Structure formats: C-alpha cells, structure tokens
Amino acid sequence: MQIDEAFGRLLRKHRLDRDLTATALATNSGITRRYLRMLELGQASPTLAVIVRLADSLGLEINELVKQAVELTAEK
C-alpha cells in the first residue's frame, strides 16, 4: 500500500471514530470537503501544514498519525 492511500484510510478511520462529518473535519482543518475526500481516497498528497491541521482537528499528535500511516504501508 502506498503512503497516500494509507494516510487516507487512517484519516477516514479517525474521522469516523470521532463521529465527524467530512464537512466538519474539512471546515475545522481549513480545507475543502472535496480535497478531504481526495485525501481519504489516497488521490492527493497533503502538505505538512495540512497534516498538522488535520491532526489537530482530530485531537491527534502529528507524529502518531504519520507513524500509523507508515506502519500501515508495511502491512500485507
């Protein structure tokens, strides 16, 4: 699995675990809902600034979010 796809899956999982709509997370993170959808599908690569805002909006530490994505890429 590629890192963009892994990050997107985690992003969606954490969003749903917190009962957040895509609109709410996008608004709280300062991005469009369309861009968030592209991220969740692994069709876009977020900048570091976007990753920081997403992690903050989800109540996560950025290092934990990135670590989880990297670990997911190693799974078969």
N, C-alpha and C. Protein backbone atom coordinates (compact mmCIF):
# COMPACT_ATOMS: atom_id res chain seq x y z
N MET A 1 0.85 -1.17 0.00
CA MET A 1 0.00 0.00 0.00
C MET A 1 0.90 1.24 0.00
N GLN A 2 0.53 2.21 -0.78
CA GLN A 2 1.28 3.46 -0.86
C GLN A 2 0.94 4.36 0.33
N ILE A 3 1.84 5.27 0.67
CA ILE A 3 1.66 6.13 1.84
C ILE A 3 0.41 7.02 1.72
N ASP A 4 0.11 7.52 0.52
CA ASP A 4 -1.09 8.37 0.36
C ASP A 4 -2.36 7.59 0.67
N GLU A 5 -2.41 6.36 0.20
CA GLU A 5 -3.58 5.51 0.47
C GLU A 5 -3.67 5.17 1.95
N ALA A 6 -2.55 4.85 2.57
CA ALA A 6 -2.53 4.53 3.99
C ALA A 6 -2.96 5.74 4.82
N PHE A 7 -2.43 6.91 4.48
CA PHE A 7 -2.80 8.12 5.22
C PHE A 7 -4.29 8.39 5.06
N GLY A 8 -4.81 8.22 3.87
CA GLY A 8 -6.23 8.45 3.62
C GLY A 8 -7.12 7.51 4.41
N ARG A 9 -6.75 6.24 4.44
CA ARG A 9 -7.55 5.27 5.21
C ARG A 9 -7.57 5.63 6.69
N LEU A 10 -6.40 6.01 7.21
CA LEU A 10 -6.33 6.39 8.62
C LEU A 10 -7.12 7.65 8.91
N LEU A 11 -7.03 8.59 8.01
CA LEU A 11 -7.76 9.84 8.16
C LEU A 11 -9.26 9.57 8.27
N ARG A 12 -9.75 8.76 7.36
CA ARG A 12 -11.18 8.42 7.37
C ARG A 12 -11.54 7.65 8.64
N LYS A 13 -10.71 6.69 9.04
CA LYS A 13 -10.97 5.91 10.25
C LYS A 13 -11.06 6.82 11.47
N HIS A 14 -10.09 7.70 11.63
CA HIS A 14 -10.09 8.60 12.79
C HIS A 14 -11.28 9.57 12.74
N ARG A 15 -11.64 10.02 11.56
CA ARG A 15 -12.79 10.91 11.42
C ARG A 15 -14.07 10.20 11.85
N LEU A 16 -14.26 8.98 11.35
CA LEU A 16 -15.46 8.22 11.68
C LEU A 16 -15.48 7.81 13.15
N ASP A 17 -14.32 7.47 13.71
CA ASP A 17 -14.24 7.11 15.13
C ASP A 17 -14.71 8.26 16.02
N ARG A 18 -14.57 9.49 15.52
CA ARG A 18 -14.95 10.67 16.29
C ARG A 18 -16.33 11.20 15.88
N ASP A 19 -17.01 10.43 15.05
CA ASP A 19 -18.34 10.83 14.55
C ASP A 19 -18.33 12.21 13.91
N LEU A 20 -17.27 12.50 13.18
CA LEU A 20 -17.18 13.78 12.46
C LEU A 20 -17.61 13.59 11.02
N THR A 21 -18.34 14.55 10.50
CA THR A 21 -18.66 14.52 9.07
C THR A 21 -17.44 15.03 8.31
N ALA A 22 -17.41 14.73 7.03
CA ALA A 22 -16.33 15.24 6.19
C ALA A 22 -16.35 16.76 6.17
N THR A 23 -17.55 17.32 6.14
CA THR A 23 -17.69 18.78 6.14
C THR A 23 -17.11 19.39 7.42
N ALA A 24 -17.41 18.79 8.56
CA ALA A 24 -16.92 19.31 9.84
C ALA A 24 -15.39 19.25 9.91
N LEU A 25 -14.82 18.11 9.54
CA LEU A 25 -13.36 17.98 9.60
C LEU A 25 -12.70 18.93 8.61
N ALA A 26 -13.24 19.02 7.42
CA ALA A 26 -12.67 19.92 6.41
C ALA A 26 -12.71 21.37 6.90
N THR A 27 -13.85 21.78 7.42
CA THR A 27 -14.00 23.15 7.91
C THR A 27 -13.03 23.43 9.06
N ASN A 28 -12.96 22.51 10.01
CA ASN A 28 -12.06 22.67 11.16
C ASN A 28 -10.60 22.69 10.75
N SER A 29 -10.28 22.06 9.62
CA SER A 29 -8.90 21.96 9.16
C SER A 29 -8.54 23.01 8.11
N GLY A 30 -9.53 23.79 7.69
CA GLY A 30 -9.26 24.84 6.72
C GLY A 30 -9.04 24.35 5.30
N ILE A 31 -9.69 23.22 4.98
CA ILE A 31 -9.60 22.68 3.61
C ILE A 31 -11.02 22.44 3.09
N THR A 32 -11.13 22.19 1.81
CA THR A 32 -12.45 21.92 1.24
C THR A 32 -12.83 20.46 1.48
N ARG A 33 -14.13 20.22 1.47
CA ARG A 33 -14.62 18.85 1.61
C ARG A 33 -14.13 17.99 0.45
N ARG A 34 -14.07 18.57 -0.74
CA ARG A 34 -13.60 17.83 -1.92
C ARG A 34 -12.14 17.40 -1.74
N TYR A 35 -11.31 18.31 -1.23
CA TYR A 35 -9.90 17.98 -1.01
C TYR A 35 -9.78 16.90 0.07
N LEU A 36 -10.58 17.00 1.13
CA LEU A 36 -10.56 15.97 2.17
C LEU A 36 -10.93 14.62 1.57
N ARG A 37 -11.94 14.59 0.73
CA ARG A 37 -12.35 13.34 0.09
C ARG A 37 -11.21 12.76 -0.75
N MET A 38 -10.52 13.63 -1.48
CA MET A 38 -9.38 13.17 -2.28
C MET A 38 -8.28 12.60 -1.38
N LEU A 39 -8.05 13.23 -0.24
CA LEU A 39 -7.06 12.72 0.71
C LEU A 39 -7.48 11.36 1.23
N GLU A 40 -8.75 11.23 1.63
CA GLU A 40 -9.24 9.96 2.18
C GLU A 40 -9.17 8.83 1.16
N LEU A 41 -9.28 9.16 -0.11
CA LEU A 41 -9.19 8.15 -1.17
C LEU A 41 -7.76 7.89 -1.63
N GLY A 42 -6.81 8.62 -1.07
CA GLY A 42 -5.42 8.46 -1.46
C GLY A 42 -5.11 9.06 -2.82
N GLN A 43 -5.94 10.00 -3.26
CA GLN A 43 -5.78 10.61 -4.58
C GLN A 43 -5.04 11.94 -4.53
N ALA A 44 -4.62 12.35 -3.33
CA ALA A 44 -3.88 13.60 -3.18
C ALA A 44 -2.88 13.43 -2.04
N SER A 45 -1.81 14.21 -2.11
CA SER A 45 -0.78 14.20 -1.07
C SER A 45 -0.86 15.51 -0.28
N PRO A 46 -1.12 15.43 1.02
CA PRO A 46 -1.25 16.66 1.80
C PRO A 46 0.11 17.30 2.09
N THR A 47 0.09 18.60 2.23
CA THR A 47 1.30 19.29 2.67
C THR A 47 1.46 19.06 4.17
N LEU A 48 2.63 19.39 4.67
CA LEU A 48 2.87 19.26 6.11
C LEU A 48 1.91 20.15 6.89
N ALA A 49 1.65 21.34 6.40
CA ALA A 49 0.72 22.25 7.08
C ALA A 49 -0.67 21.64 7.18
N VAL A 50 -1.12 20.97 6.14
CA VAL A 50 -2.45 20.34 6.15
C VAL A 50 -2.45 19.15 7.11
N ILE A 51 -1.39 18.37 7.13
CA ILE A 51 -1.31 17.24 8.06
C ILE A 51 -1.38 17.74 9.50
N VAL A 52 -0.68 18.83 9.79
CA VAL A 52 -0.71 19.41 11.14
C VAL A 52 -2.12 19.83 11.51
N ARG A 53 -2.82 20.51 10.61
CA ARG A 53 -4.18 20.97 10.91
C ARG A 53 -5.15 19.81 11.05
N LEU A 54 -5.01 18.79 10.21
CA LEU A 54 -5.88 17.61 10.32
C LEU A 54 -5.66 16.89 11.65
N ALA A 55 -4.40 16.68 12.00
CA ALA A 55 -4.09 16.01 13.27
C ALA A 55 -4.67 16.80 14.44
N ASP A 56 -4.50 18.11 14.41
CA ASP A 56 -5.04 18.95 15.48
C ASP A 56 -6.57 18.85 15.54
N SER A 57 -7.22 18.88 14.40
CA SER A 57 -8.68 18.79 14.35
C SER A 57 -9.18 17.44 14.85
N LEU A 58 -8.36 16.42 14.70
CA LEU A 58 -8.73 15.08 15.15
C LEU A 58 -8.28 14.81 16.59
N GLY A 59 -7.56 15.75 17.18
CA GLY A 59 -7.07 15.57 18.55
C GLY A 59 -5.93 14.58 18.63
N LEU A 60 -5.14 14.49 17.56
CA LEU A 60 -4.03 13.55 17.49
C LEU A 60 -2.70 14.30 17.43
N GLU A 61 -1.66 13.64 17.88
CA GLU A 61 -0.31 14.16 17.70
C GLU A 61 0.10 13.83 16.27
N ILE A 62 0.74 14.78 15.60
CA ILE A 62 1.12 14.57 14.21
C ILE A 62 2.05 13.36 14.07
N ASN A 63 2.98 13.18 15.00
CA ASN A 63 3.90 12.05 14.89
C ASN A 63 3.17 10.72 14.97
N GLU A 64 2.11 10.64 15.76
CA GLU A 64 1.35 9.39 15.87
C GLU A 64 0.59 9.11 14.57
N LEU A 65 0.01 10.14 14.00
CA LEU A 65 -0.73 9.97 12.74
C LEU A 65 0.20 9.51 11.62
N VAL A 66 1.35 10.13 11.51
CA VAL A 66 2.31 9.75 10.46
C VAL A 66 2.87 8.35 10.72
N LYS A 67 3.17 8.06 11.98
CA LYS A 67 3.69 6.73 12.33
C LYS A 67 2.69 5.64 11.95
N GLN A 68 1.42 5.86 12.25
CA GLN A 68 0.39 4.88 11.91
C GLN A 68 0.31 4.67 10.40
N ALA A 69 0.43 5.74 9.64
CA ALA A 69 0.38 5.62 8.18
C ALA A 69 1.56 4.83 7.65
N VAL A 70 2.74 5.10 8.19
CA VAL A 70 3.94 4.37 7.75
C VAL A 70 3.81 2.89 8.10
N GLU A 71 3.33 2.59 9.30
CA GLU A 71 3.15 1.19 9.70
C GLU A 71 2.14 0.48 8.82
N LEU A 72 1.10 1.19 8.40
CA LEU A 72 0.09 0.60 7.54
C LEU A 72 0.66 0.25 6.17
N THR A 73 1.63 1.02 5.69
CA THR A 73 2.23 0.72 4.39
C THR A 73 3.04 -0.57 4.44
N ALA A 74 3.51 -0.94 5.62
CA ALA A 74 4.32 -2.15 5.76
C ALA A 74 3.47 -3.42 5.87
N GLU A 75 2.17 -3.26 6.18
CA GLU A 75 1.30 -4.43 6.31
C GLU A 75 1.00 -5.03 4.95
N LYS A 76 0.81 -6.32 4.94
CA LYS A 76 0.49 -7.02 3.69
C LYS A 76 -0.97 -7.37 3.65
